[in-house]
Amino acid sequence: MEPSRALPKRRRLHGAMGTSALLAAALGYVGLVDPHNENSIFPACPFRLLTGWNCPACGGLRMTHDLLHGNLVQAVTDNVFLLVGIPILAAWILVRRRRGEAVMPLPAIATIVIATLAWTVLRNLPGFPLVPTLFTG
């Protein structure tokens, strides 16, 4: 007796539905609660707490909130690296998967690591204009 192929498909479907529901709930929360407000309930960045520096993702929640509210200029100020990088990375992964190629070859990983380190240093230089902001809501 051959095992049913419907079960793995059903599990993948349930996993995709569950992930989509969690993503929708998270986006809904970020859209409703303004992370620019210091009284909102969002986790503090552990990297910033330990080092005093903005991490590569600092401002990501504020950027998402601004995008959900149609404020592209403020989203760029909050975290242009994620704003540009996430869609490029997602497109890269989708194209590579369709071609049946390795999703993340070593040169791609090295490029991502170097770009992330460069962004971290650059955004922490004195006077750098694209720094996540509070109280701009």
C-alpha atoms as a PDB file:
ATOM      1  CA  MET A   1       0.000   0.000   0.000  1.00  0.00           C
ATOM      2  CA  GLU A   2       1.432   3.355  -1.097  1.00  0.00           C
ATOM      3  CA  PRO A   3       1.282   6.296   1.347  1.00  0.00           C
ATOM      4  CA  SER A   4      -1.088   9.045   0.393  1.00  0.00           C
ATOM      5  CA  ARG A   5       0.476  12.110  -1.251  1.00  0.00           C
ATOM      6  CA  ALA A   6      -2.443  14.250  -0.077  1.00  0.00           C
ATOM      7  CA  LEU A   7      -1.196  14.327   3.511  1.00  0.00           C
ATOM      8  CA  PRO A   8       2.104  16.150   2.811  1.00  0.00           C
ATOM      9  CA  LYS A   9       0.280  18.606   0.525  1.00  0.00           C
ATOM     10  CA  ARG A  10      -2.312  19.208   3.216  1.00  0.00           C
ATOM     11  CA  ARG A  11       0.409  19.808   5.810  1.00  0.00           C
ATOM     12  CA  ARG A  12       2.158  22.271   3.520  1.00  0.00           C
ATOM     13  CA  LEU A  13      -1.141  24.039   2.926  1.00  0.00           C
ATOM     14  CA  HIS A  14      -1.855  24.224   6.656  1.00  0.00           C
ATOM     15  CA  GLY A  15       1.662  25.515   7.290  1.00  0.00           C
ATOM     16  CA  ALA A  16       1.262  28.184   4.616  1.00  0.00           C
ATOM     17  CA  MET A  17      -2.153  29.184   5.962  1.00  0.00           C
ATOM     18  CA  GLY A  18      -0.852  29.374   9.531  1.00  0.00           C
ATOM     19  CA  THR A  19       2.161  31.417   8.474  1.00  0.00           C
ATOM     20  CA  SER A  20      -0.053  33.758   6.455  1.00  0.00           C
ATOM     21  CA  ALA A  21      -2.402  34.235   9.409  1.00  0.00           C
ATOM     22  CA  LEU A  22       0.501  35.042  11.757  1.00  0.00           C
ATOM     23  CA  LEU A  23       1.989  37.462   9.233  1.00  0.00           C
ATOM     24  CA  ALA A  24      -1.381  39.188   8.768  1.00  0.00           C
ATOM     25  CA  ALA A  25      -1.824  39.486  12.542  1.00  0.00           C
ATOM     26  CA  ALA A  26       1.692  40.892  12.987  1.00  0.00           C
ATOM     27  CA  LEU A  27       1.201  43.404  10.164  1.00  0.00           C
ATOM     28  CA  GLY A  28      -2.172  44.365  11.617  1.00  0.00           C
ATOM     29  CA  TYR A  29      -0.609  45.023  15.011  1.00  0.00           C
ATOM     30  CA  VAL A  30       2.261  47.044  13.533  1.00  0.00           C
ATOM     31  CA  GLY A  31      -0.235  48.977  11.429  1.00  0.00           C
ATOM     32  CA  LEU A  32      -2.466  49.799  14.394  1.00  0.00           C
ATOM     33  CA  VAL A  33       0.153  50.484  17.083  1.00  0.00           C
ATOM     34  CA  ASP A  34       2.621  53.252  16.229  1.00  0.00           C
ATOM     35  CA  PRO A  35       6.205  52.157  16.971  1.00  0.00           C
ATOM     36  CA  HIS A  36       7.313  55.811  16.724  1.00  0.00           C
ATOM     37  CA  ASN A  37       5.604  56.353  20.082  1.00  0.00           C
ATOM     38  CA  GLU A  38       7.849  55.447  23.001  1.00  0.00           C
ATOM     39  CA  ASN A  39       4.809  54.180  24.962  1.00  0.00           C
ATOM     40  CA  SER A  40       3.936  51.511  22.388  1.00  0.00           C
ATOM     41  CA  ILE A  41       4.618  47.902  23.301  1.00  0.00           C
ATOM     42  CA  PHE A  42       7.435  46.712  21.044  1.00  0.00           C
ATOM     43  CA  PRO A  43      10.587  44.861  22.062  1.00  0.00           C
ATOM     44  CA  ALA A  44      13.786  46.836  22.484  1.00  0.00           C
ATOM     45  CA  CYS A  45      16.670  46.001  20.160  1.00  0.00           C
ATOM     46  CA  PRO A  46      19.137  43.818  22.107  1.00  0.00           C
ATOM     47  CA  PHE A  47      22.039  44.886  19.861  1.00  0.00           C
ATOM     48  CA  ARG A  48      21.350  48.542  20.600  1.00  0.00           C
ATOM     49  CA  LEU A  49      20.967  47.858  24.331  1.00  0.00           C
ATOM     50  CA  LEU A  50      24.362  46.111  24.405  1.00  0.00           C
ATOM     51  CA  THR A  51      26.349  48.366  22.058  1.00  0.00           C
ATOM     52  CA  GLY A  52      24.491  51.678  21.787  1.00  0.00           C
ATOM     53  CA  TRP A  53      24.600  51.287  17.987  1.00  0.00           C
ATOM     54  CA  ASN A  54      21.687  50.919  15.592  1.00  0.00           C
ATOM     55  CA  CYS A  55      21.662  47.364  14.251  1.00  0.00           C
ATOM     56  CA  PRO A  56      21.008  46.696  10.536  1.00  0.00           C
ATOM     57  CA  ALA A  57      17.316  46.089  11.285  1.00  0.00           C
ATOM     58  CA  CYS A  58      16.753  48.972  13.729  1.00  0.00           C
ATOM     59  CA  GLY A  59      13.840  51.006  12.458  1.00  0.00           C
ATOM     60  CA  GLY A  60      12.316  48.017  10.660  1.00  0.00           C
ATOM     61  CA  LEU A  61       9.078  48.094  12.660  1.00  0.00           C
ATOM     62  CA  ARG A  62       8.784  51.855  12.177  1.00  0.00           C
ATOM     63  CA  MET A  63       9.508  51.380   8.458  1.00  0.00           C
ATOM     64  CA  THR A  64       6.768  48.743   8.211  1.00  0.00           C
ATOM     65  CA  HIS A  65       4.299  50.994  10.054  1.00  0.00           C
ATOM     66  CA  ASP A  66       5.112  53.886   7.725  1.00  0.00           C
ATOM     67  CA  LEU A  67       4.705  51.682   4.631  1.00  0.00           C
ATOM     68  CA  LEU A  68       1.339  50.422   5.857  1.00  0.00           C
ATOM     69  CA  HIS A  69       0.269  54.052   6.223  1.00  0.00           C
ATOM     70  CA  GLY A  70       1.626  55.078   2.817  1.00  0.00           C
ATOM     71  CA  ASN A  71       4.477  57.217   4.150  1.00  0.00           C
ATOM     72  CA  LEU A  72       7.344  56.157   1.872  1.00  0.00           C
ATOM     73  CA  VAL A  73       9.628  59.093   2.712  1.00  0.00           C
ATOM     74  CA  GLN A  74       9.551  58.293   6.433  1.00  0.00           C
ATOM     75  CA  ALA A  75       9.992  54.565   5.674  1.00  0.00           C
ATOM     76  CA  VAL A  76      13.194  55.387   3.763  1.00  0.00           C
ATOM     77  CA  THR A  77      14.449  57.390   6.740  1.00  0.00           C
ATOM     78  CA  ASP A  78      13.650  54.600   9.199  1.00  0.00           C
ATOM     79  CA  ASN A  79      15.453  51.789   7.329  1.00  0.00           C
ATOM     80  CA  VAL A  80      16.220  52.082   3.629  1.00  0.00           C
ATOM     81  CA  PHE A  81      18.433  48.962   3.778  1.00  0.00           C
ATOM     82  CA  LEU A  82      15.499  46.686   4.659  1.00  0.00           C
ATOM     83  CA  LEU A  83      13.093  48.613   2.438  1.00  0.00           C
ATOM     84  CA  VAL A  84      15.239  47.885  -0.621  1.00  0.00           C
ATOM     85  CA  GLY A  85      16.984  44.708   0.517  1.00  0.00           C
ATOM     86  CA  ILE A  86      14.021  42.514   1.454  1.00  0.00           C
ATOM     87  CA  PRO A  87      12.262  42.749  -1.941  1.00  0.00           C
ATOM     88  CA  ILE A  88      15.562  42.188  -3.783  1.00  0.00           C
ATOM     89  CA  LEU A  89      16.390  39.169  -1.618  1.00  0.00           C
ATOM     90  CA  ALA A  90      12.873  37.730  -2.024  1.00  0.00           C
ATOM     91  CA  ALA A  91      13.037  38.124  -5.814  1.00  0.00           C
ATOM     92  CA  TRP A  92      16.508  36.542  -5.865  1.00  0.00           C
ATOM     93  CA  ILE A  93      15.306  33.527  -3.891  1.00  0.00           C
ATOM     94  CA  LEU A  94      12.199  33.062  -6.053  1.00  0.00           C
ATOM     95  CA  VAL A  95      14.178  33.235  -9.307  1.00  0.00           C
ATOM     96  CA  ARG A  96      16.835  30.821  -8.035  1.00  0.00           C
ATOM     97  CA  ARG A  97      14.201  28.341  -6.815  1.00  0.00           C
ATOM     98  CA  ARG A  98      12.367  28.427 -10.157  1.00  0.00           C
ATOM     99  CA  ARG A  99      15.608  27.695 -11.966  1.00  0.00           C
ATOM    100  CA  GLY A 100      16.369  24.831  -9.593  1.00  0.00           C
ATOM    101  CA  GLU A 101      19.613  26.473  -8.507  1.00  0.00           C
ATOM    102  CA  ALA A 102      21.060  26.720  -5.016  1.00  0.00           C
ATOM    103  CA  VAL A 103      19.085  29.424  -3.248  1.00  0.00           C
ATOM    104  CA  MET A 104      22.023  30.927  -1.367  1.00  0.00           C
ATOM    105  CA  PRO A 105      25.420  30.170  -2.901  1.00  0.00           C
ATOM    106  CA  LEU A 106      28.486  31.249  -0.938  1.00  0.00           C
ATOM    107  CA  PRO A 107      29.115  34.451  -2.968  1.00  0.00           C
ATOM    108  CA  ALA A 108      25.541  35.593  -2.274  1.00  0.00           C
ATOM    109  CA  ILE A 109      25.929  34.948   1.449  1.00  0.00           C
ATOM    110  CA  ALA A 110      29.244  36.846   1.468  1.00  0.00           C
ATOM    111  CA  THR A 111      27.624  39.774  -0.366  1.00  0.00           C
ATOM    112  CA  ILE A 112      24.749  39.909   2.125  1.00  0.00           C
ATOM    113  CA  VAL A 113      27.115  39.786   5.120  1.00  0.00           C
ATOM    114  CA  ILE A 114      29.406  42.495   3.702  1.00  0.00           C
ATOM    115  CA  ALA A 115      26.467  44.748   2.763  1.00  0.00           C
ATOM    116  CA  THR A 116      24.931  44.290   6.224  1.00  0.00           C
ATOM    117  CA  LEU A 117      28.202  45.116   7.984  1.00  0.00           C
ATOM    118  CA  ALA A 118      28.749  48.157   5.751  1.00  0.00           C
ATOM    119  CA  TRP A 119      25.191  49.385   6.429  1.00  0.00           C
ATOM    120  CA  THR A 120      25.666  48.922  10.177  1.00  0.00           C
ATOM    121  CA  VAL A 121      28.852  50.989  10.211  1.00  0.00           C
ATOM    122  CA  LEU A 122      27.522  53.629   7.805  1.00  0.00           C
ATOM    123  CA  ARG A 123      24.287  54.263   9.682  1.00  0.00           C
ATOM    124  CA  ASN A 124      26.174  54.715  12.947  1.00  0.00           C
ATOM    125  CA  LEU A 125      28.545  57.384  11.631  1.00  0.00           C
ATOM    126  CA  PRO A 126      27.979  60.817  13.177  1.00  0.00           C
ATOM    127  CA  GLY A 127      25.690  62.958  11.039  1.00  0.00           C
ATOM    128  CA  PHE A 128      24.342  60.102   8.908  1.00  0.00           C
ATOM    129  CA  PRO A 129      20.854  61.280   7.846  1.00  0.00           C
ATOM    130  CA  LEU A 130      18.972  57.969   7.629  1.00  0.00           C
ATOM    131  CA  VAL A 131      18.593  57.109  11.301  1.00  0.00           C
ATOM    132  CA  PRO A 132      15.408  55.589  12.779  1.00  0.00           C
ATOM    133  CA  THR A 133      13.311  58.217  14.472  1.00  0.00           C
ATOM    134  CA  LEU A 134      10.956  58.289  17.417  1.00  0.00           C
ATOM    135  CA  PHE A 135       8.032  60.616  17.945  1.00  0.00           C
ATOM    136  CA  THR A 136       7.544  61.410  14.252  1.00  0.00           C
ATOM    137  CA  GLY A 137       4.183  59.652  14.081  1.00  0.00           C
END
